[in-house]
PDB file of N, CA and C in Angstrom:
ATOM      1  N   MET A   1      -8.661   0.796   1.066  1.00  0.00           N
ATOM      2  CA  MET A   1      -8.802   2.109   2.787  1.00  0.00           C
ATOM      3  C   MET A   1      -8.533   3.524   2.265  1.00  0.00           C
ATOM      4  N   ALA A   2      -9.431   3.825   2.304  1.00  0.00           N
ATOM      5  CA  ALA A   2      -9.286   5.964   2.608  1.00  0.00           C
ATOM      6  C   ALA A   2      -7.871   6.533   3.082  1.00  0.00           C
ATOM      7  N   ALA A   3      -7.593   7.236   3.101  1.00  0.00           N
ATOM      8  CA  ALA A   3      -6.393   7.869   3.733  1.00  0.00           C
ATOM      9  C   ALA A   3      -6.898   8.099   4.997  1.00  0.00           C
ATOM     10  N   GLN A   4      -7.645   8.887   5.413  1.00  0.00           N
ATOM     11  CA  GLN A   4      -8.336   9.014   6.701  1.00  0.00           C
ATOM     12  C   GLN A   4      -8.933   7.974   7.525  1.00  0.00           C
ATOM     13  N   GLU A   5      -8.840   6.506   7.019  1.00  0.00           N
ATOM     14  CA  GLU A   5      -8.709   5.262   7.801  1.00  0.00           C
ATOM     15  C   GLU A   5      -7.250   4.843   7.859  1.00  0.00           C
ATOM     16  N   LEU A   6      -6.798   5.413   7.362  1.00  0.00           N
ATOM     17  CA  LEU A   6      -5.197   5.008   7.414  1.00  0.00           C
ATOM     18  C   LEU A   6      -4.319   6.015   8.468  1.00  0.00           C
ATOM     19  N   ARG A   7      -4.933   7.427   8.490  1.00  0.00           N
ATOM     20  CA  ARG A   7      -4.460   7.480   9.695  1.00  0.00           C
ATOM     21  C   ARG A   7      -4.508   7.477  11.485  1.00  0.00           C
ATOM     22  N   GLU A   8      -5.660   6.847  11.192  1.00  0.00           N
ATOM     23  CA  GLU A   8      -5.959   6.306  12.237  1.00  0.00           C
ATOM     24  C   GLU A   8      -5.412   5.257  12.556  1.00  0.00           C
ATOM     25  N   LYS A   9      -4.457   4.589  12.220  1.00  0.00           N
ATOM     26  CA  LYS A   9      -3.768   3.272  12.615  1.00  0.00           C
ATOM     27  C   LYS A   9      -1.956   4.036  12.541  1.00  0.00           C
ATOM     28  N   SER A  10      -1.862   2.906  13.741  1.00  0.00           N
ATOM     29  CA  SER A  10      -0.360   3.132  14.038  1.00  0.00           C
ATOM     30  C   SER A  10       0.577   3.099  12.919  1.00  0.00           C
ATOM     31  N   SER A  11       1.966   3.315  13.478  1.00  0.00           N
ATOM     32  CA  SER A  11       2.863   3.058  12.537  1.00  0.00           C
ATOM     33  C   SER A  11       3.401   1.705  12.383  1.00  0.00           C
ATOM     34  N   GLU A  12       3.028   0.688  13.139  1.00  0.00           N
ATOM     35  CA  GLU A  12       2.472  -0.719  12.903  1.00  0.00           C
ATOM     36  C   GLU A  12       1.988  -1.108  12.226  1.00  0.00           C
ATOM     37  N   GLN A  13       0.884  -0.570  12.267  1.00  0.00           N
ATOM     38  CA  GLN A  13      -0.623  -1.668  11.527  1.00  0.00           C
ATOM     39  C   GLN A  13      -0.400  -1.194  10.348  1.00  0.00           C
ATOM     40  N   LEU A  14       0.540   0.242  10.020  1.00  0.00           N
ATOM     41  CA  LEU A  14       0.945   0.448   8.701  1.00  0.00           C
ATOM     42  C   LEU A  14       1.891  -0.479   7.955  1.00  0.00           C
ATOM     43  N   LYS A  15       2.709  -0.218   8.430  1.00  0.00           N
ATOM     44  CA  LYS A  15       4.173  -1.542   8.219  1.00  0.00           C
ATOM     45  C   LYS A  15       3.641  -2.815   7.711  1.00  0.00           C
ATOM     46  N   GLU A  16       2.468  -3.554   8.381  1.00  0.00           N
ATOM     47  CA  GLU A  16       1.428  -4.640   8.279  1.00  0.00           C
ATOM     48  C   GLU A  16       1.188  -4.598   6.841  1.00  0.00           C
ATOM     49  N   LEU A  17       0.566  -3.565   6.803  1.00  0.00           N
ATOM     50  CA  LEU A  17      -0.409  -3.046   5.606  1.00  0.00           C
ATOM     51  C   LEU A  17       0.170  -3.025   4.847  1.00  0.00           C
ATOM     52  N   LEU A  18       1.404  -2.310   4.576  1.00  0.00           N
ATOM     53  CA  LEU A  18       2.302  -1.835   3.255  1.00  0.00           C
ATOM     54  C   LEU A  18       2.652  -3.636   2.969  1.00  0.00           C
ATOM     55  N   ALA A  19       3.139  -4.026   4.117  1.00  0.00           N
ATOM     56  CA  ALA A  19       4.199  -5.532   3.425  1.00  0.00           C
ATOM     57  C   ALA A  19       3.104  -6.486   2.670  1.00  0.00           C
ATOM     58  N   GLU A  20       1.492  -6.722   3.287  1.00  0.00           N
ATOM     59  CA  GLU A  20       0.618  -6.849   2.738  1.00  0.00           C
ATOM     60  C   GLU A  20       0.314  -6.560   1.328  1.00  0.00           C
ATOM     61  N   ALA A  21       0.380  -5.002   0.758  1.00  0.00           N
ATOM     62  CA  ALA A  21      -0.255  -4.617  -0.196  1.00  0.00           C
ATOM     63  C   ALA A  21       1.174  -5.050  -1.641  1.00  0.00           C
ATOM     64  N   GLN A  22       2.221  -5.359  -1.163  1.00  0.00           N
ATOM     65  CA  GLN A  22       3.525  -5.506  -1.344  1.00  0.00           C
ATOM     66  C   GLN A  22       3.577  -7.211  -1.675  1.00  0.00           C
ATOM     67  N   LYS A  23       3.264  -7.253  -0.794  1.00  0.00           N
ATOM     68  CA  LYS A  23       2.902  -8.913  -1.603  1.00  0.00           C
ATOM     69  C   LYS A  23       1.716  -8.693  -3.096  1.00  0.00           C
ATOM     70  N   GLU A  24       0.460  -8.823  -2.810  1.00  0.00           N
ATOM     71  CA  GLU A  24      -0.413  -8.340  -3.182  1.00  0.00           C
ATOM     72  C   GLU A  24      -0.289  -7.316  -4.798  1.00  0.00           C
ATOM     73  N   GLN A  25       0.808  -6.395  -4.707  1.00  0.00           N
ATOM     74  CA  GLN A  25       1.165  -5.772  -6.098  1.00  0.00           C
ATOM     75  C   GLN A  25       2.204  -7.049  -6.686  1.00  0.00           C
ATOM     76  N   PHE A  26       2.838  -7.960  -6.178  1.00  0.00           N
ATOM     77  CA  PHE A  26       3.821  -9.105  -6.427  1.00  0.00           C
ATOM     78  C   PHE A  26       2.973  -9.977  -6.879  1.00  0.00           C
ATOM     79  N   ASN A  27       2.086 -10.783  -6.775  1.00  0.00           N
ATOM     80  CA  ASN A  27       1.177 -11.014  -7.103  1.00  0.00           C
ATOM     81  C   ASN A  27       0.487 -11.057  -8.518  1.00  0.00           C
ATOM     82  N   LEU A  28       0.383 -10.026  -8.563  1.00  0.00           N
ATOM     83  CA  LEU A  28      -0.685  -9.314  -9.735  1.00  0.00           C
ATOM     84  C   LEU A  28       0.403  -9.081 -10.525  1.00  0.00           C
ATOM     85  N   ARG A  29       1.497  -8.854 -10.943  1.00  0.00           N
ATOM     86  CA  ARG A  29       2.753  -7.988 -11.196  1.00  0.00           C
ATOM     87  C   ARG A  29       2.983 -10.023 -12.127  1.00  0.00           C
ATOM     88  N   ILE A  30       2.941 -10.976 -11.068  1.00  0.00           N
ATOM     89  CA  ILE A  30       3.190 -12.234 -12.252  1.00  0.00           C
ATOM     90  C   ILE A  30       2.033 -12.958 -12.689  1.00  0.00           C
ATOM     91  N   GLN A  31       0.905 -12.516 -12.690  1.00  0.00           N
ATOM     92  CA  GLN A  31      -0.352 -12.857 -12.744  1.00  0.00           C
ATOM     93  C   GLN A  31      -0.521 -11.856 -14.251  1.00  0.00           C
ATOM     94  N   ARG A  32       0.003 -10.763 -14.406  1.00  0.00           N
ATOM     95  CA  ARG A  32      -0.281  -9.448 -15.584  1.00  0.00           C
ATOM     96  C   ARG A  32       1.059 -10.167 -16.535  1.00  0.00           C
ATOM     97  N   ALA A  33       2.046 -10.856 -15.913  1.00  0.00           N
ATOM     98  CA  ALA A  33       3.192 -11.636 -17.034  1.00  0.00           C
ATOM     99  C   ALA A  33       2.665 -12.906 -17.701  1.00  0.00           C
ATOM    100  N   THR A  34       1.506 -13.490 -17.053  1.00  0.00           N
ATOM    101  CA  THR A  34       1.516 -14.549 -17.066  1.00  0.00           C
ATOM    102  C   THR A  34       0.306 -14.610 -17.892  1.00  0.00           C
ATOM    103  N   GLY A  35      -0.758 -13.433 -18.041  1.00  0.00           N
ATOM    104  CA  GLY A  35      -1.931 -13.587 -18.606  1.00  0.00           C
ATOM    105  C   GLY A  35      -2.762 -14.127 -18.277  1.00  0.00           C
ATOM    106  N   GLU A  36      -3.010 -13.839 -16.688  1.00  0.00           N
ATOM    107  CA  GLU A  36      -3.819 -14.125 -16.013  1.00  0.00           C
ATOM    108  C   GLU A  36      -4.634 -13.367 -15.327  1.00  0.00           C
ATOM    109  N   LEU A  37      -3.862 -11.911 -15.254  1.00  0.00           N
ATOM    110  CA  LEU A  37      -4.844 -10.775 -14.350  1.00  0.00           C
ATOM    111  C   LEU A  37      -6.608 -10.298 -14.988  1.00  0.00           C
ATOM    112  N   ALA A  38      -7.424 -10.508 -14.308  1.00  0.00           N
ATOM    113  CA  ALA A  38      -8.206 -10.450 -14.697  1.00  0.00           C
ATOM    114  C   ALA A  38      -8.699  -8.987 -14.860  1.00  0.00           C
ATOM    115  N   ASN A  39      -8.584  -8.077 -13.755  1.00  0.00           N
ATOM    116  CA  ASN A  39      -8.673  -6.852 -13.528  1.00  0.00           C
ATOM    117  C   ASN A  39      -7.379  -5.924 -13.502  1.00  0.00           C
ATOM    118  N   PRO A  40      -6.635  -5.827 -14.913  1.00  0.00           N
ATOM    119  CA  PRO A  40      -5.639  -4.765 -14.632  1.00  0.00           C
ATOM    120  C   PRO A  40      -5.918  -3.448 -14.231  1.00  0.00           C
ATOM    121  N   ALA A  41      -6.960  -2.950 -13.652  1.00  0.00           N
ATOM    122  CA  ALA A  41      -7.119  -1.792 -12.957  1.00  0.00           C
ATOM    123  C   ALA A  41      -6.889  -1.782 -11.321  1.00  0.00           C
ATOM    124  N   GLN A  42      -6.801  -3.279 -10.818  1.00  0.00           N
ATOM    125  CA  GLN A  42      -6.673  -3.157  -9.526  1.00  0.00           C
ATOM    126  C   GLN A  42      -5.046  -3.435  -9.335  1.00  0.00           C
ATOM    127  N   PHE A  43      -3.908  -3.596 -10.520  1.00  0.00           N
ATOM    128  CA  PHE A  43      -2.661  -3.046 -10.423  1.00  0.00           C
ATOM    129  C   PHE A  43      -2.232  -1.922  -9.712  1.00  0.00           C
ATOM    130  N   LYS A  44      -2.764  -0.704 -10.661  1.00  0.00           N
ATOM    131  CA  LYS A  44      -3.309   0.521 -10.143  1.00  0.00           C
ATOM    132  C   LYS A  44      -3.710   0.542  -8.991  1.00  0.00           C
ATOM    133  N   LYS A  45      -4.511   0.570  -8.940  1.00  0.00           N
ATOM    134  CA  LYS A  45      -5.412   0.537  -7.156  1.00  0.00           C
ATOM    135  C   LYS A  45      -4.171   0.475  -6.409  1.00  0.00           C
ATOM    136  N   VAL A  46      -3.440  -1.196  -6.430  1.00  0.00           N
ATOM    137  CA  VAL A  46      -2.528  -1.365  -5.257  1.00  0.00           C
ATOM    138  C   VAL A  46      -1.480  -0.265  -5.176  1.00  0.00           C
ATOM    139  N   GLY A  47      -0.897   0.176  -6.412  1.00  0.00           N
ATOM    140  CA  GLY A  47       0.398   0.923  -6.583  1.00  0.00           C
ATOM    141  C   GLY A  47       0.245   2.254  -5.674  1.00  0.00           C
ATOM    142  N   ARG A  48      -1.327   2.715  -5.371  1.00  0.00           N
ATOM    143  CA  ARG A  48      -1.738   4.004  -4.823  1.00  0.00           C
ATOM    144  C   ARG A  48      -2.008   3.833  -3.598  1.00  0.00           C
ATOM    145  N   GLN A  49      -2.066   2.109  -2.622  1.00  0.00           N
ATOM    146  CA  GLN A  49      -2.328   2.489  -1.986  1.00  0.00           C
ATOM    147  C   GLN A  49      -1.189   2.143  -0.783  1.00  0.00           C
ATOM    148  N   ILE A  50      -0.164   1.595  -1.490  1.00  0.00           N
ATOM    149  CA  ILE A  50       1.355   1.852  -1.484  1.00  0.00           C
ATOM    150  C   ILE A  50       2.056   2.818  -1.301  1.00  0.00           C
ATOM    151  N   ALA A  51       1.842   3.874  -1.790  1.00  0.00           N
ATOM    152  CA  ALA A  51       2.065   5.438  -2.349  1.00  0.00           C
ATOM    153  C   ALA A  51       1.731   6.121  -1.198  1.00  0.00           C
ATOM    154  N   ARG A  52      -0.077   5.711  -0.461  1.00  0.00           N
ATOM    155  CA  ARG A  52      -0.535   6.313   0.410  1.00  0.00           C
ATOM    156  C   ARG A  52       0.030   5.828   1.773  1.00  0.00           C
ATOM    157  N   ILE A  53      -0.023   4.686   2.300  1.00  0.00           N
ATOM    158  CA  ILE A  53       0.602   3.966   3.376  1.00  0.00           C
ATOM    159  C   ILE A  53       1.793   4.468   3.244  1.00  0.00           C
ATOM    160  N   LYS A  54       3.169   4.848   2.549  1.00  0.00           N
ATOM    161  CA  LYS A  54       3.997   5.319   2.874  1.00  0.00           C
ATOM    162  C   LYS A  54       4.060   6.652   2.923  1.00  0.00           C
ATOM    163  N   THR A  55       3.512   7.342   2.598  1.00  0.00           N
ATOM    164  CA  THR A  55       3.176   9.462   2.539  1.00  0.00           C
ATOM    165  C   THR A  55       3.144   9.417   3.909  1.00  0.00           C
ATOM    166  N   LEU A  56       2.060   8.595   4.272  1.00  0.00           N
ATOM    167  CA  LEU A  56       1.480   8.747   6.107  1.00  0.00           C
ATOM    168  C   LEU A  56       2.893   8.043   6.801  1.00  0.00           C
ATOM    169  N   LEU A  57       3.488   6.966   6.413  1.00  0.00           N
ATOM    170  CA  LEU A  57       4.335   6.673   7.242  1.00  0.00           C
ATOM    171  C   LEU A  57       5.577   7.591   7.593  1.00  0.00           C
ATOM    172  N   ASN A  58       5.911   8.197   6.208  1.00  0.00           N
ATOM    173  CA  ASN A  58       7.241   9.269   6.392  1.00  0.00           C
ATOM    174  C   ASN A  58       6.357  10.651   7.119  1.00  0.00           C
ATOM    175  N   GLU A  59       4.894  10.480   7.101  1.00  0.00           N
ATOM    176  CA  GLU A  59       4.302  12.062   8.312  1.00  0.00           C
ATOM    177  C   GLU A  59       4.295  11.604   9.404  1.00  0.00           C
ATOM    178  N   GLN A  60       4.238  10.106   9.730  1.00  0.00           N
ATOM    179  CA  GLN A  60       4.787   9.716  11.228  1.00  0.00           C
ATOM    180  C   GLN A  60       5.850  10.257  11.396  1.00  0.00           C
ATOM    181  N   LYS A  61       7.090   9.773  10.854  1.00  0.00           N
ATOM    182  CA  LYS A  61       8.368   9.837  11.269  1.00  0.00           C
ATOM    183  C   LYS A  61       8.456  11.101  11.475  1.00  0.00           C
ATOM    184  N   THR A  62       8.224  11.804  10.345  1.00  0.00           N
ATOM    185  CA  THR A  62       8.641  13.905  10.358  1.00  0.00           C
ATOM    186  C   THR A  62       7.928  14.374  12.041  1.00  0.00           C
ATOM    187  N   GLN A  63       6.643  14.009  12.275  1.00  0.00           N
ATOM    188  CA  GLN A  63       6.146  14.382  13.263  1.00  0.00           C
ATOM    189  C   GLN A  63       6.675  13.734  14.462  1.00  0.00           C
ATOM    190  N   ALA A  64       7.759  12.591  14.965  1.00  0.00           N
ATOM    191  CA  ALA A  64       8.571  11.926  15.490  1.00  0.00           C
ATOM    192  C   ALA A  64       9.191  12.810  16.034  1.00  0.00           C
ATOM    193  N   GLU A  65      10.179  13.366  14.575  1.00  0.00           N
ATOM    194  CA  GLU A  65      11.907  13.508  14.940  1.00  0.00           C
ATOM    195  C   GLU A  65      11.527  15.270  15.254  1.00  0.00           C
ATOM    196  N   SER A  66      10.044  15.852  15.340  1.00  0.00           N
ATOM    197  CA  SER A  66      10.092  17.267  15.457  1.00  0.00           C
ATOM    198  C   SER A  66      10.223  17.521  17.002  1.00  0.00           C
TER     199      SER A  66
END
């Protein structure tokens, strides 16, 4: 999901997406450890998605405090 699409979501929706992405990252980590990971690039993609979501949550928090 692009950053612009994420900016349109509320903080609660972002928190739900973050939890889902972290679960997916955990599952990918397990797959990588057992040698079952079919697409290694997916691990990096999910990590970047998590970083994007966290950045937007911090931006929203900063704006709310101002």
